[in-house]
Amino acid sequence: MIDNLALVIDSTSKYSDAWPLYFGGLNNFFPNNIKKYLFTDKYWDVGCDNIQPVLYKNKDSYRNQFLNCLKQVNEKYIIYNSEDYILYNNTNIDEIEFLIDTLEINPYSFVKFIKGPEHTTPTDHPNIHIIDQLDVNLFAQQAALWKTKSLIDIFENSPHNNGRMQQEPGGSLICRKLGITGLQYHSGLETKRGIHHWDSEIYPCTATAISKGKWNLSEYQEILNPLLKKYKINPNIRGTI
């Protein structure tokens, strides 16, 4: 099933100072043979293998930008990412393949890699949990495995003028309207970060490296400081929390 999988990188800005950290993490910790789509307004040489730029128009709403790009993805399954979800350890691709097989034979549309505040119920698998359909955080644009068509359906049923700040909060209501259900992968052994999130064992990434426009050193200092130094990025330019 890995041939039906791609990584989608949702970049909503021009060249970002987070890109060296993000694409460096992909090169080090993500399989090179899996295709990667970069949604961007202009292609830059990001120094990453097997990547395909998909261009959007800056004048379009975020909803239209993302939807038009997503419709150009050929694979049945995607891993959703944005540029501040920086990998810092190896991706467990075998377990992700298992999750693809799980989605193939079940009615669920996505699996979140990161435990958040969602209410869940257990399944027969100790690491897989069903997200409560009525939970306000059912839908979230975070590191997750998706059936591509289901994510397209959510955006197609969203208001055309939605910005990012409208798209994510409104996504849970649309999921309920369309009957889209999801899972969460969480073993219970992961480290908690901040108030609402835990680390991921299968897709170890910062969630997120940037908070309110600033480097999130309050939660990821031991990960970000060496990377900022390695890529010669002055954190004071963006600011830190």
Protein backbone atom coordinates (compact mmCIF):
# COMPACT_ATOMS: atom_id res chain seq x y z
CA MET A 1 0.00 0.00 0.00
CA ILE A 2 2.97 2.32 0.31
CA ASP A 3 2.72 3.04 -3.43
CA ASN A 4 -0.60 4.75 -2.70
CA LEU A 5 0.92 7.10 -0.09
CA ALA A 6 2.28 10.62 -0.46
CA LEU A 7 3.31 13.40 1.92
CA VAL A 8 1.50 16.73 1.52
CA ILE A 9 3.23 19.84 2.83
CA ASP A 10 0.79 22.69 3.43
CA SER A 11 2.86 25.85 3.11
CA THR A 12 0.81 29.00 3.47
CA SER A 13 3.59 31.55 3.10
CA LYS A 14 6.47 32.44 0.86
CA TYR A 15 9.88 30.96 1.66
CA SER A 16 9.89 30.36 5.39
CA ASP A 17 12.76 30.38 7.86
CA ALA A 18 11.33 27.08 9.12
CA TRP A 19 12.00 25.36 5.78
CA PRO A 20 15.67 24.45 6.42
CA LEU A 21 14.65 22.72 9.67
CA TYR A 22 11.59 21.10 8.12
CA PHE A 23 13.20 19.74 4.95
CA GLY A 24 16.34 18.77 6.84
CA GLY A 25 14.09 16.65 9.06
CA LEU A 26 12.46 15.05 6.02
CA ASN A 27 15.85 14.18 4.53
CA ASN A 28 17.02 12.61 7.76
CA PHE A 29 13.91 10.87 9.08
CA PHE A 30 11.42 10.24 6.24
CA PRO A 31 11.71 7.68 3.42
CA ASN A 32 13.08 9.25 0.24
CA ASN A 33 11.05 6.93 -1.99
CA ILE A 34 7.70 8.36 -0.86
CA LYS A 35 6.52 11.21 -3.06
CA LYS A 36 6.17 14.63 -1.48
CA TYR A 37 3.92 17.47 -2.67
CA LEU A 38 4.80 21.03 -1.63
CA PHE A 39 1.82 23.41 -1.80
CA THR A 40 3.38 26.82 -2.29
CA ASP A 41 3.05 30.11 -4.19
CA LYS A 42 6.48 29.72 -5.82
CA TYR A 43 8.85 26.79 -6.08
CA TRP A 44 12.12 27.05 -4.22
CA ASP A 45 14.99 24.60 -4.21
CA VAL A 46 14.38 23.11 -0.80
CA GLY A 47 17.14 20.49 -1.06
CA CYS A 48 14.80 17.53 -0.66
CA ASP A 49 14.43 14.41 -2.82
CA ASN A 50 11.30 13.27 -4.66
CA ILE A 51 9.37 16.50 -4.18
CA GLN A 52 6.80 17.98 -6.53
CA PRO A 53 5.72 21.62 -6.22
CA VAL A 54 2.03 22.37 -6.61
CA LEU A 55 1.45 26.09 -7.02
CA TYR A 56 -1.45 28.13 -5.70
CA LYS A 57 -2.51 31.73 -6.31
CA ASN A 58 -1.94 34.17 -3.47
CA LYS A 59 -5.17 36.02 -4.31
CA ASP A 60 -7.24 32.89 -3.59
CA SER A 61 -8.68 32.08 -0.18
CA TYR A 62 -6.85 29.48 1.89
CA ARG A 63 -9.70 27.03 1.31
CA ASN A 64 -9.40 27.41 -2.46
CA GLN A 65 -5.60 27.30 -2.40
CA PHE A 66 -5.47 24.05 -0.50
CA LEU A 67 -8.38 22.40 -2.33
CA ASN A 68 -7.02 23.17 -5.80
CA CYS A 69 -3.61 21.81 -4.81
CA LEU A 70 -5.02 18.70 -3.13
CA LYS A 71 -6.97 17.79 -6.27
CA GLN A 72 -3.62 17.44 -8.06
CA VAL A 73 -2.43 14.70 -5.69
CA ASN A 74 -2.66 11.28 -7.33
CA GLU A 75 -2.21 8.99 -4.34
CA LYS A 76 -5.14 7.46 -2.43
CA TYR A 77 -3.58 8.26 0.98
CA ILE A 78 -1.64 11.24 2.21
CA ILE A 79 0.23 12.27 5.32
CA TYR A 80 -0.79 15.86 6.02
CA ASN A 81 1.99 18.17 7.20
CA SER A 82 2.76 21.84 7.51
CA GLU A 83 6.18 23.44 7.58
CA ASP A 84 6.35 23.75 11.37
CA TYR A 85 5.85 20.00 11.97
CA ILE A 86 9.58 19.28 12.07
CA LEU A 87 10.67 15.66 12.25
CA TYR A 88 13.32 14.91 14.87
CA ASN A 89 13.40 11.11 14.80
CA ASN A 90 12.70 8.26 12.38
CA THR A 91 9.24 7.78 10.89
CA ASN A 92 7.80 4.35 11.65
CA ILE A 93 6.69 3.62 8.10
CA ASP A 94 5.82 -0.02 8.87
CA GLU A 95 3.25 1.11 11.42
CA ILE A 96 1.91 3.72 9.01
CA GLU A 97 1.45 0.97 6.41
CA PHE A 98 -0.50 -0.96 9.04
CA LEU A 99 -2.71 2.10 9.57
CA ILE A 100 -3.33 2.32 5.81
CA ASP A 101 -4.46 -1.30 5.89
CA THR A 102 -6.71 -0.41 8.84
CA LEU A 103 -8.36 2.41 6.88
CA GLU A 104 -8.76 0.12 3.88
CA ILE A 105 -10.99 -2.30 5.76
CA ASN A 106 -12.78 0.15 8.08
CA PRO A 107 -15.07 3.15 7.49
CA TYR A 108 -12.67 5.68 9.09
CA SER A 109 -11.12 8.45 6.99
CA PHE A 110 -8.06 9.51 8.98
CA VAL A 111 -5.66 8.66 11.79
CA LYS A 112 -4.13 11.43 13.87
CA PHE A 113 -0.50 10.73 14.77
CA ILE A 114 -0.55 13.07 17.77
CA LYS A 115 -2.76 12.75 20.84
CA GLY A 116 -4.53 15.99 21.64
CA PRO A 117 -7.46 16.96 23.85
CA GLU A 118 -9.97 14.85 21.89
CA HIS A 119 -12.20 12.44 23.77
CA THR A 120 -11.61 8.89 22.51
CA THR A 121 -12.71 5.33 23.12
CA PRO A 122 -10.40 2.30 22.83
CA THR A 123 -10.42 -0.36 20.13
CA ASP A 124 -9.11 -3.92 20.13
CA HIS A 125 -5.71 -2.51 19.15
CA PRO A 126 -3.98 -0.99 22.22
CA ASN A 127 -2.61 2.01 20.29
CA ILE A 128 -5.64 2.87 18.17
CA HIS A 129 -8.51 4.92 19.58
CA ILE A 130 -11.78 6.14 18.06
CA ILE A 131 -12.26 9.91 18.21
CA ASP A 132 -15.65 10.96 19.57
CA GLN A 133 -17.73 12.14 16.61
CA LEU A 134 -19.19 15.00 18.67
CA ASP A 135 -15.83 16.26 19.92
CA VAL A 136 -15.06 19.85 18.98
CA ASN A 137 -11.55 18.72 18.02
CA LEU A 138 -12.62 15.85 15.77
CA PHE A 139 -11.06 17.61 12.78
CA ALA A 140 -7.65 19.23 13.04
CA GLN A 141 -5.00 20.16 10.52
CA GLN A 142 -2.14 18.36 12.19
CA ALA A 143 0.21 15.50 11.31
CA ALA A 144 -2.15 12.72 10.27
CA LEU A 145 -2.80 9.98 7.74
CA TRP A 146 -5.79 10.77 5.49
CA LYS A 147 -7.82 9.21 2.75
CA THR A 148 -7.21 11.89 0.13
CA LYS A 149 -10.80 11.88 -1.11
CA SER A 150 -12.18 12.45 2.39
CA LEU A 151 -10.02 15.52 2.92
CA ILE A 152 -11.08 16.83 -0.50
CA ASP A 153 -14.72 16.30 0.49
CA ILE A 154 -14.27 18.36 3.67
CA PHE A 155 -12.74 21.28 1.80
CA GLU A 156 -15.29 21.09 -1.03
CA ASN A 157 -18.06 21.42 1.56
CA SER A 158 -16.38 24.37 3.31
CA PRO A 159 -17.21 28.04 2.65
CA HIS A 160 -15.25 29.29 -0.36
CA ASN A 161 -13.82 32.30 1.47
CA ASN A 162 -12.48 30.35 4.46
CA GLY A 163 -9.09 31.35 5.77
CA ARG A 164 -7.04 28.93 7.84
CA MET A 165 -8.48 30.32 11.06
CA GLN A 166 -12.00 29.51 9.83
CA GLN A 167 -11.24 26.23 8.08
CA GLU A 168 -9.93 24.26 11.03
CA PRO A 169 -12.59 25.16 13.63
CA GLY A 170 -15.38 24.56 11.10
CA GLY A 171 -13.99 21.22 9.93
CA SER A 172 -15.48 19.13 12.74
CA LEU A 173 -19.03 20.24 11.90
CA ILE A 174 -18.46 19.34 8.25
CA CYS A 175 -17.11 15.91 9.26
CA ARG A 176 -20.31 15.25 11.20
CA LYS A 177 -22.42 16.47 8.28
CA LEU A 178 -20.61 14.12 5.88
CA GLY A 179 -20.32 11.20 8.31
CA ILE A 180 -16.50 11.37 8.28
CA THR A 181 -14.97 9.57 11.26
CA GLY A 182 -11.40 9.28 12.51
CA LEU A 183 -8.90 7.54 14.73
CA GLN A 184 -6.01 8.53 16.95
CA TYR A 185 -2.74 6.64 17.40
CA HIS A 186 -1.46 6.81 20.98
CA SER A 187 0.32 4.18 23.04
CA GLY A 188 0.24 5.98 26.37
CA LEU A 189 4.03 6.04 26.63
CA GLU A 190 4.55 9.32 24.76
CA THR A 191 5.89 12.46 26.43
CA LYS A 192 3.37 15.24 27.03
CA ARG A 193 4.15 18.64 25.50
CA GLY A 194 2.47 21.70 26.95
CA ILE A 195 -1.16 21.45 27.99
CA HIS A 196 -2.91 19.62 25.16
CA HIS A 197 -0.48 17.52 23.08
CA TRP A 198 1.73 14.48 23.35
CA ASP A 199 4.70 13.37 21.24
CA SER A 200 4.19 10.83 18.47
CA GLU A 201 5.93 7.46 18.36
CA ILE A 202 5.29 6.86 14.65
CA TYR A 203 5.76 10.39 13.29
CA PRO A 204 8.00 12.18 15.83
CA CYS A 205 7.60 15.86 15.05
CA THR A 206 7.18 19.21 16.74
CA ALA A 207 3.52 20.14 17.13
CA THR A 208 4.31 22.86 16.53
CA ALA A 209 7.73 24.49 16.17
CA ILE A 210 6.08 27.89 15.68
CA SER A 211 3.33 29.20 17.93
CA LYS A 212 1.65 32.57 17.39
CA GLY A 213 4.37 33.40 14.87
CA LYS A 214 7.27 32.73 17.24
CA TRP A 215 9.68 29.83 17.77
CA ASN A 216 8.16 27.52 20.37
CA LEU A 217 11.13 27.11 22.68
CA SER A 218 8.90 26.71 25.73
CA GLU A 219 7.97 23.19 24.58
CA TYR A 220 10.73 22.19 22.13
CA GLN A 221 13.87 23.96 23.32
CA GLU A 222 16.03 20.82 23.31
CA ILE A 223 14.99 20.05 19.71
CA LEU A 224 14.90 23.52 18.18
CA ASN A 225 17.99 25.16 19.66
CA PRO A 226 20.48 22.76 18.00
CA LEU A 227 18.62 23.04 14.68
CA LEU A 228 18.49 26.83 14.76
CA LYS A 229 22.22 26.83 15.42
CA LYS A 230 22.90 24.25 12.69
CA TYR A 231 21.03 26.25 10.04
CA LYS A 232 22.36 29.61 11.28
CA ILE A 233 18.91 31.02 12.03
CA ASN A 234 18.68 33.84 14.53
CA PRO A 235 15.59 33.04 16.65
CA ASN A 236 15.36 36.65 17.82
CA ILE A 237 14.30 37.79 14.34
CA ARG A 238 11.03 35.86 14.55
CA GLY A 239 10.97 35.91 18.34
CA THR A 240 10.54 33.09 20.85
CA ILE A 241 8.10 31.88 23.43
